[in-house]
Amino acid sequence: MRLYEERTRAYGELAAAQDQLVRTEKLRALGEMASGVAHDFNNLLASVLGRAQLLMRRVQDPQQLQWLRVIERSALDGAQTVRRLQEFTRIRRDQPMVPLDVTLVVRGALDITQSRWREEPASRGVVIEVRTELATVPPVLGDAAELREALTNLILNAVDAMPRGGTLTLLTRAGDEQVEVAVSDTGIGIPAAVRDKIFDPFFTTKGPQGTGLGLAMTYGIVSRHGGVITVESQEGHGSTFRLSFPSAALVQAPTPPPARAEAGPVRPLRCLVVDDEEPVRTMLADTVESAGHHATVVEDGAEAIARFRAEPFDIVLTDLAMPRVSGLQVARAVKQHAPHVPVLLVTGFGVELSPEERLAHGVDVVLGKPLQIQEILDALAEAARNAPPAAPEDKPWPSST
């Protein structure tokens, strides 16, 4: 009897592992397929968003400003949709994860969703009772914004599953080197026939109002945190989603960087702008020059390397994906010739580079398309603060080339 039970348990664990592997590969395949499309959309949105934000700095008419805000909001919404598609294949982040108290993250997600589980149901005469069993737990390594998004998705799904009201329960507890978070509802439950599909992208049981991205995003976030998500459900009795993360009790939080002292006036910069997409490179050049800097614009990586070796530049903004010579090759050539010159890598692929990889490739900052011009201006301001004083023989620059 014991042998039978052990084999049954082992079979169940193997089946669960295979199911998780298949689901992960589905998400990865979708993300790889969407990657090229995302790049093209991000290039289009970069031009639209950049031009709109540049105009918003010049236009005074309130009606025209409102129209520009609509364009800006639409471009940002489009960028968010592309970003969500790219998230399916991400297994790491640009920024290092830090120790977090998941109990605080749970409370934050509850605060964010309060209107959905309290005010909105109350306006329909429906009551959703919220219960919390939030124990003191060890920290986990993570990204607070991502974990909040994952829990927000689960809370909203739980609320949607209780159209006539019910009980929403959130629980945290510590296990053997694990921290568990559970989100339970007393709603309609998930039919057994579709339970294996709920984490697939674009699968939804909500009809036209559902995107089918929420649980797929949640699955990706939990996986990136080294965690596991499971679901238990019974039709007519509700569902429980369990998230389990490895404990980081022995990890110390990094010390915050020292406050930066106020810098004095800075001089204009000589900026080399490299992008094979004409609308993007002209937008970047206009943004650079709107801040009082000079932009030299080229459309090819090889030409950029030649210009950099022939002329003095204070900073380089280069696209990543270009024919023949990539942005990473440009960055390495720049650092070989002038190690002190910062390189900003601009990309629409959602590429992530760790600090070690940025150092190895000669990249100082990675900016994702579509760029908000304030990101560019902040990067230029930082470079200008750190730039050496202009040489006495420096002469005024001609107009953009």
Protein backbone atom coordinates (compact mmCIF):
# COMPACT_ATOMS: atom_id res chain seq x y z
CA MET A 1 0.00 0.00 0.00
CA ARG A 2 2.81 2.37 0.92
CA LEU A 3 4.62 1.61 -2.36
CA TYR A 4 1.44 2.41 -4.28
CA GLU A 5 1.02 5.73 -2.45
CA GLU A 6 4.66 6.70 -3.02
CA ARG A 7 4.45 5.90 -6.72
CA THR A 8 1.17 7.79 -7.03
CA ARG A 9 2.70 10.83 -5.32
CA ALA A 10 5.83 10.63 -7.47
CA TYR A 11 3.70 10.39 -10.62
CA GLY A 12 1.69 13.40 -9.54
CA GLU A 13 4.84 15.44 -8.89
CA LEU A 14 6.28 14.41 -12.28
CA ALA A 15 3.06 15.35 -14.06
CA ALA A 16 3.00 18.74 -12.30
CA ALA A 17 6.64 19.39 -13.26
CA GLN A 18 5.97 18.47 -16.88
CA ASP A 19 2.90 20.71 -16.92
CA GLN A 20 4.92 23.63 -15.56
CA LEU A 21 7.66 23.05 -18.16
CA VAL A 22 5.15 22.95 -21.02
CA ARG A 23 3.45 26.13 -19.79
CA THR A 24 6.78 27.92 -19.44
CA GLU A 25 7.79 26.93 -22.96
CA LYS A 26 4.45 28.13 -24.33
CA LEU A 27 5.01 31.54 -22.77
CA ARG A 28 8.59 31.65 -24.00
CA ALA A 29 7.58 30.76 -27.56
CA LEU A 30 4.88 33.42 -27.56
CA GLY A 31 7.31 36.01 -26.25
CA GLU A 32 9.93 35.18 -28.85
CA MET A 33 7.35 35.43 -31.60
CA ALA A 34 6.12 38.76 -30.24
CA SER A 35 9.63 40.16 -29.76
CA GLY A 36 10.12 41.32 -33.35
CA VAL A 37 6.62 42.78 -33.49
CA ALA A 38 7.26 44.57 -30.19
CA HIS A 39 10.45 46.11 -31.57
CA ASP A 40 8.63 47.55 -34.60
CA PHE A 41 5.74 48.86 -32.50
CA ASN A 42 8.13 50.42 -30.00
CA ASN A 43 9.93 52.25 -32.80
CA LEU A 44 6.61 53.65 -34.04
CA LEU A 45 5.50 54.59 -30.55
CA ALA A 46 8.89 56.19 -29.79
CA SER A 47 8.39 58.70 -32.57
CA VAL A 48 4.74 59.42 -31.67
CA LEU A 49 5.37 59.75 -27.93
CA GLY A 50 8.56 61.77 -28.32
CA ARG A 51 7.02 64.28 -30.73
CA ALA A 52 3.91 64.65 -28.57
CA GLN A 53 5.97 65.35 -25.45
CA LEU A 54 8.21 67.80 -27.27
CA LEU A 55 5.15 69.69 -28.52
CA MET A 56 3.63 69.71 -25.03
CA ARG A 57 6.64 71.76 -23.90
CA ARG A 58 5.95 74.43 -26.52
CA VAL A 59 2.19 74.58 -27.02
CA GLN A 60 0.25 77.03 -24.84
CA ASP A 61 -3.29 76.60 -26.16
CA PRO A 62 -5.32 74.52 -23.62
CA GLN A 63 -7.32 72.67 -26.28
CA GLN A 64 -4.21 71.70 -28.21
CA LEU A 65 -2.52 70.61 -24.98
CA GLN A 66 -5.49 68.39 -24.22
CA TRP A 67 -5.27 66.78 -27.67
CA LEU A 68 -1.55 66.19 -27.15
CA ARG A 69 -2.25 64.57 -23.77
CA VAL A 70 -4.66 62.19 -25.49
CA ILE A 71 -1.93 61.26 -27.99
CA GLU A 72 0.59 60.84 -25.16
CA ARG A 73 -1.80 58.69 -23.12
CA SER A 74 -2.59 56.50 -26.14
CA ALA A 75 1.10 56.00 -26.90
CA LEU A 76 1.84 55.12 -23.27
CA ASP A 77 -1.07 52.66 -23.21
CA GLY A 78 0.23 51.07 -26.40
CA ALA A 79 3.69 50.82 -24.88
CA GLN A 80 2.25 49.14 -21.79
CA THR A 81 0.48 46.54 -23.95
CA VAL A 82 3.74 45.77 -25.76
CA ARG A 83 5.58 45.60 -22.45
CA ARG A 84 3.11 43.09 -21.09
CA LEU A 85 3.72 40.87 -24.11
CA GLN A 86 7.48 41.13 -23.61
CA GLU A 87 7.11 40.16 -19.95
CA PHE A 88 6.10 36.62 -20.91
CA THR A 89 9.69 35.59 -21.61
CA ARG A 90 11.52 37.61 -19.02
CA ILE A 91 13.32 35.49 -16.46
CA ARG A 92 15.29 38.31 -14.82
CA ARG A 93 15.20 42.07 -14.40
CA ASP A 94 17.45 45.04 -15.08
CA GLN A 95 17.53 45.98 -11.39
CA PRO A 96 18.66 43.53 -8.70
CA MET A 97 15.91 42.12 -6.52
CA VAL A 98 15.92 43.20 -2.89
CA PRO A 99 14.62 41.63 0.33
CA LEU A 100 10.91 42.36 0.75
CA ASP A 101 8.24 41.80 3.36
CA VAL A 102 5.45 40.14 1.36
CA THR A 103 2.96 41.01 4.09
CA LEU A 104 3.46 44.70 3.24
CA VAL A 105 3.09 43.87 -0.45
CA VAL A 106 -0.22 42.11 0.27
CA ARG A 107 -1.47 45.13 2.23
CA GLY A 108 -0.45 47.39 -0.65
CA ALA A 109 -2.36 45.28 -3.17
CA LEU A 110 -5.44 45.40 -0.92
CA ASP A 111 -5.21 49.18 -0.74
CA ILE A 112 -4.89 49.50 -4.51
CA THR A 113 -7.94 47.31 -5.15
CA GLN A 114 -10.16 48.68 -2.36
CA SER A 115 -12.59 50.38 -4.73
CA ARG A 116 -13.19 47.05 -6.49
CA TRP A 117 -13.88 44.94 -3.38
CA ARG A 118 -15.57 47.59 -1.24
CA GLU A 119 -17.02 50.68 -2.94
CA GLU A 120 -18.06 49.18 -6.27
CA PRO A 121 -19.88 46.12 -4.82
CA ALA A 122 -21.51 48.31 -2.16
CA SER A 123 -22.95 50.54 -4.89
CA ARG A 124 -24.74 47.41 -6.22
CA GLY A 125 -25.91 46.30 -2.80
CA VAL A 126 -23.31 43.53 -2.65
CA VAL A 127 -20.97 42.87 0.26
CA ILE A 128 -17.52 41.31 -0.09
CA GLU A 129 -15.97 40.57 3.27
CA VAL A 130 -12.19 40.73 3.39
CA ARG A 131 -10.29 38.59 5.87
CA THR A 132 -6.55 38.69 6.39
CA GLU A 133 -4.29 36.22 8.18
CA LEU A 134 -0.97 37.93 7.71
CA ALA A 135 1.73 36.30 9.80
CA THR A 136 5.22 37.61 10.39
CA VAL A 137 7.31 35.94 7.68
CA PRO A 138 10.94 36.05 6.54
CA PRO A 139 11.76 38.35 3.63
CA VAL A 140 11.83 37.20 0.02
CA LEU A 141 14.04 38.51 -2.76
CA GLY A 142 11.85 40.37 -5.19
CA ASP A 143 10.50 43.42 -6.93
CA ALA A 144 7.71 45.04 -4.92
CA ALA A 145 5.95 46.53 -7.95
CA GLU A 146 5.86 43.20 -9.78
CA LEU A 147 4.64 41.24 -6.77
CA ARG A 148 1.98 43.89 -6.13
CA GLU A 149 0.83 43.51 -9.73
CA ALA A 150 0.62 39.73 -9.37
CA LEU A 151 -1.43 39.97 -6.17
CA THR A 152 -3.61 42.71 -7.64
CA ASN A 153 -4.47 40.41 -10.55
CA LEU A 154 -5.41 37.61 -8.14
CA ILE A 155 -7.52 39.89 -5.94
CA LEU A 156 -9.41 41.33 -8.90
CA ASN A 157 -10.04 37.84 -10.29
CA ALA A 158 -11.36 36.78 -6.90
CA VAL A 159 -13.72 39.78 -6.79
CA ASP A 160 -14.96 39.04 -10.32
CA ALA A 161 -15.68 35.44 -9.23
CA MET A 162 -18.07 36.70 -6.51
CA PRO A 163 -20.70 38.76 -8.36
CA ARG A 164 -23.24 38.15 -5.55
CA GLY A 165 -20.74 38.78 -2.78
CA GLY A 166 -18.68 36.48 -0.61
CA THR A 167 -15.45 36.32 1.33
CA LEU A 168 -11.98 37.24 0.11
CA THR A 169 -9.19 35.84 2.26
CA LEU A 170 -5.49 36.69 2.08
CA LEU A 171 -2.94 34.69 4.02
CA THR A 172 0.80 34.75 4.52
CA ARG A 173 2.82 32.13 6.38
CA ALA A 174 6.33 30.76 6.62
CA GLY A 175 7.27 27.18 5.77
CA ASP A 176 10.50 25.21 5.38
CA GLU A 177 12.71 27.87 3.76
CA GLN A 178 9.60 29.05 1.89
CA VAL A 179 7.17 31.95 2.24
CA GLU A 180 3.60 31.28 1.12
CA VAL A 181 0.91 33.73 0.07
CA ALA A 182 -2.64 32.53 -0.52
CA VAL A 183 -5.58 34.37 -2.10
CA SER A 184 -8.95 32.63 -1.61
CA ASP A 185 -12.52 33.44 -2.61
CA THR A 186 -15.92 31.84 -2.07
CA GLY A 187 -17.03 32.47 -5.64
CA ILE A 188 -18.15 30.40 -8.58
CA GLY A 189 -14.96 28.35 -8.85
CA ILE A 190 -13.06 27.26 -11.94
CA PRO A 191 -14.43 24.40 -14.07
CA ALA A 192 -12.14 21.38 -14.06
CA ALA A 193 -12.19 21.32 -17.87
CA VAL A 194 -10.37 24.67 -18.11
CA ARG A 195 -8.28 24.62 -14.93
CA ASP A 196 -5.14 23.58 -16.81
CA LYS A 197 -5.50 26.50 -19.24
CA ILE A 198 -5.99 29.45 -16.91
CA PHE A 199 -2.30 30.46 -16.97
CA ASP A 200 -2.12 30.37 -20.77
CA PRO A 201 -1.89 33.82 -22.38
CA PHE A 202 -5.11 35.13 -23.93
CA PHE A 203 -7.24 32.42 -22.34
CA THR A 204 -10.18 33.93 -20.47
CA THR A 205 -13.54 32.87 -19.10
CA LYS A 206 -14.74 36.48 -18.77
CA GLY A 207 -15.88 37.00 -22.34
CA PRO A 208 -15.14 40.24 -24.23
CA GLN A 209 -14.20 42.16 -21.07
CA GLY A 210 -11.33 39.77 -20.29
CA THR A 211 -7.88 40.07 -21.86
CA GLY A 212 -6.55 36.66 -20.87
CA LEU A 213 -3.28 38.32 -19.76
CA GLY A 214 -3.73 38.72 -16.00
CA LEU A 215 -3.00 35.19 -14.83
CA ALA A 216 -0.37 34.66 -17.51
CA MET A 217 1.39 37.80 -16.25
CA THR A 218 1.06 36.58 -12.67
CA TYR A 219 2.57 33.21 -13.61
CA GLY A 220 5.51 34.95 -15.29
CA ILE A 221 6.12 37.23 -12.30
CA VAL A 222 6.06 34.37 -9.81
CA SER A 223 8.41 32.32 -12.00
CA ARG A 224 10.88 35.21 -12.28
CA HIS A 225 10.96 35.33 -8.49
CA GLY A 226 11.90 31.65 -8.31
CA GLY A 227 8.45 30.83 -7.00
CA VAL A 228 5.61 28.46 -7.80
CA ILE A 229 1.91 29.21 -8.20
CA THR A 230 -0.82 26.57 -7.84
CA VAL A 231 -4.61 26.67 -7.78
CA GLU A 232 -7.22 24.67 -5.93
CA SER A 233 -10.84 25.14 -6.99
CA GLN A 234 -14.24 23.58 -6.73
CA GLU A 235 -17.17 24.76 -8.80
CA GLY A 236 -19.67 26.62 -6.66
CA HIS A 237 -17.33 26.78 -3.67
CA GLY A 238 -14.51 29.09 -4.73
CA SER A 239 -10.80 29.02 -5.51
CA THR A 240 -7.48 29.36 -3.73
CA PHE A 241 -4.29 30.50 -5.44
CA ARG A 242 -1.09 29.67 -3.55
CA LEU A 243 2.19 31.45 -4.25
CA SER A 244 5.35 30.00 -2.75
CA PHE A 245 8.67 31.86 -2.74
CA PRO A 246 12.12 30.93 -1.45
CA SER A 247 12.98 32.69 1.79
CA ALA A 248 15.72 35.31 1.80
CA ALA A 249 16.04 35.59 5.57
CA LEU A 250 19.83 35.57 5.45
CA VAL A 251 20.14 38.18 2.70
CA GLN A 252 20.94 41.72 3.79
CA ALA A 253 19.37 44.65 2.02
CA PRO A 254 21.85 46.75 0.05
CA THR A 255 22.81 50.07 1.59
CA PRO A 256 21.27 53.06 -0.21
CA PRO A 257 23.65 55.16 -2.30
CA PRO A 258 24.78 58.43 -0.73
CA ALA A 259 22.80 61.53 -1.61
CA ARG A 260 24.25 63.37 -4.58
CA ALA A 261 25.48 66.86 -3.94
CA GLU A 262 24.02 69.69 -5.95
CA ALA A 263 26.13 70.46 -9.00
CA GLY A 264 26.82 73.81 -10.48
CA PRO A 265 26.10 74.95 -14.05
CA VAL A 266 26.95 72.42 -16.73
CA ARG A 267 28.14 72.92 -20.27
CA PRO A 268 26.41 71.74 -23.46
CA LEU A 269 27.34 68.27 -24.65
CA ARG A 270 28.48 66.96 -28.00
CA CYS A 271 26.11 64.03 -28.58
CA LEU A 272 26.42 61.30 -31.19
CA VAL A 273 22.97 59.89 -32.04
CA VAL A 274 22.85 56.54 -33.87
CA ASP A 275 19.65 54.88 -35.12
CA ASP A 276 18.72 53.25 -38.42
CA GLU A 277 15.09 54.44 -38.11
CA GLU A 278 14.85 58.02 -39.46
CA PRO A 279 11.81 59.08 -37.35
CA VAL A 280 13.46 57.83 -34.17
CA ARG A 281 16.88 59.38 -34.73
CA THR A 282 15.43 62.78 -35.65
CA MET A 283 13.21 62.68 -32.57
CA LEU A 284 16.25 61.86 -30.42
CA ALA A 285 18.24 64.67 -32.04
CA ASP A 286 15.45 67.19 -31.47
CA THR A 287 15.18 66.13 -27.84
CA VAL A 288 18.94 66.49 -27.35
CA GLU A 289 18.97 69.95 -28.89
CA SER A 290 15.89 71.07 -26.96
CA ALA A 291 18.08 70.74 -23.84
CA GLY A 292 20.78 72.99 -25.33
CA HIS A 293 23.12 70.22 -26.46
CA HIS A 294 24.46 69.51 -29.95
CA ALA A 295 23.46 66.38 -31.86
CA THR A 296 25.40 64.71 -34.63
CA VAL A 297 23.11 62.16 -36.25
CA VAL A 298 24.16 59.02 -38.15
CA GLU A 299 22.13 56.03 -39.32
CA ASP A 300 24.71 53.26 -39.32
CA GLY A 301 26.87 51.68 -36.64
CA ALA A 302 29.99 51.61 -38.78
CA GLU A 303 29.59 55.30 -39.63
CA ALA A 304 29.09 56.06 -35.94
CA ILE A 305 32.37 54.37 -35.02
CA ALA A 306 34.20 56.27 -37.77
CA ARG A 307 32.72 59.63 -36.67
CA PHE A 308 33.55 58.97 -33.03
CA ARG A 309 37.17 58.24 -33.86
CA ALA A 310 37.40 61.38 -35.99
CA GLU A 311 35.60 63.89 -33.75
CA PRO A 312 35.31 64.55 -30.02
CA PHE A 313 31.99 63.55 -28.39
CA ASP A 314 30.82 63.71 -24.79
CA ILE A 315 28.07 61.07 -24.96
CA VAL A 316 26.70 58.47 -27.38
CA LEU A 317 23.04 57.43 -27.81
CA THR A 318 22.84 54.31 -29.97
CA ASP A 319 20.10 51.94 -31.06
CA LEU A 320 20.70 48.27 -30.32
CA ALA A 321 19.42 46.47 -33.42
CA MET A 322 20.98 47.89 -36.59
CA PRO A 323 22.14 46.21 -39.82
CA ARG A 324 25.76 45.03 -39.97
CA VAL A 325 27.09 46.80 -36.86
CA SER A 326 24.96 46.59 -33.71
CA GLY A 327 24.67 49.05 -30.87
CA LEU A 328 26.70 46.76 -28.61
CA GLN A 329 29.54 46.83 -31.15
CA VAL A 330 29.32 50.62 -31.23
CA ALA A 331 29.45 50.74 -27.41
CA ARG A 332 32.53 48.53 -27.25
CA ALA A 333 34.32 50.61 -29.90
CA VAL A 334 33.51 53.82 -28.03
CA LYS A 335 34.88 52.47 -24.76
CA GLN A 336 38.04 51.21 -26.45
CA HIS A 337 38.70 54.66 -27.88
CA ALA A 338 37.44 56.80 -24.96
CA PRO A 339 36.53 54.82 -21.83
CA HIS A 340 35.19 57.90 -20.02
CA VAL A 341 32.46 58.67 -22.59
CA PRO A 342 29.04 57.37 -21.45
CA VAL A 343 27.03 55.19 -23.84
CA LEU A 344 23.22 55.07 -23.70
CA LEU A 345 21.79 51.98 -25.40
CA VAL A 346 18.29 52.51 -26.82
CA THR A 347 16.23 49.44 -27.68
CA GLY A 348 12.72 48.38 -28.56
CA PHE A 349 13.34 44.70 -27.81
CA GLY A 350 12.98 44.93 -24.05
CA VAL A 351 16.56 43.69 -23.67
CA GLU A 352 17.77 43.34 -20.09
CA LEU A 353 21.41 43.65 -19.16
CA SER A 354 22.76 43.08 -15.67
CA PRO A 355 25.31 45.61 -14.32
CA GLU A 356 28.06 43.10 -15.11
CA GLU A 357 26.83 42.68 -18.70
CA ARG A 358 26.55 46.44 -19.19
CA LEU A 359 30.15 46.82 -18.02
CA ALA A 360 31.33 44.02 -20.31
CA HIS A 361 29.62 45.56 -23.35
CA GLY A 362 30.60 49.16 -22.58
CA VAL A 363 27.00 50.26 -21.91
CA ASP A 364 26.27 52.76 -19.13
CA VAL A 365 22.48 53.02 -19.37
CA VAL A 366 19.78 51.01 -21.18
CA LEU A 367 16.69 52.98 -22.26
CA GLY A 368 13.66 51.10 -23.55
CA LYS A 369 11.53 52.36 -26.41
CA PRO A 370 9.21 54.14 -26.55
CA LEU A 371 11.30 56.68 -24.68
CA GLN A 372 9.80 59.39 -22.58
CA ILE A 373 11.88 62.48 -23.30
CA GLN A 374 12.35 63.14 -19.59
CA GLU A 375 14.37 59.91 -19.39
CA ILE A 376 16.67 61.23 -22.11
CA LEU A 377 16.92 64.66 -20.51
CA ASP A 378 17.75 63.13 -17.12
CA ALA A 379 20.47 60.97 -18.65
CA LEU A 380 21.93 63.96 -20.48
CA ALA A 381 21.85 66.06 -17.31
CA GLU A 382 23.72 63.32 -15.42
CA ALA A 383 26.32 63.10 -18.19
CA ALA A 384 26.71 66.88 -18.25
CA ARG A 385 27.27 66.98 -14.48
CA ASN A 386 30.06 64.44 -14.83
CA ALA A 387 31.60 65.83 -18.02
CA PRO A 388 35.02 67.48 -17.81
CA PRO A 389 35.19 71.24 -18.47
CA ALA A 390 35.27 72.30 -22.10
CA ALA A 391 38.71 72.87 -23.56
CA PRO A 392 39.54 76.57 -24.20
CA GLU A 393 39.96 75.93 -27.92
CA ASP A 394 36.49 74.42 -28.24
CA LYS A 395 34.47 76.39 -30.80
CA PRO A 396 30.71 76.77 -31.33
CA TRP A 397 29.24 73.78 -33.10
CA PRO A 398 27.44 73.88 -36.43
CA SER A 399 23.83 72.76 -36.76
CA SER A 400 22.84 69.06 -36.61
CA THR A 401 24.29 66.79 -39.27
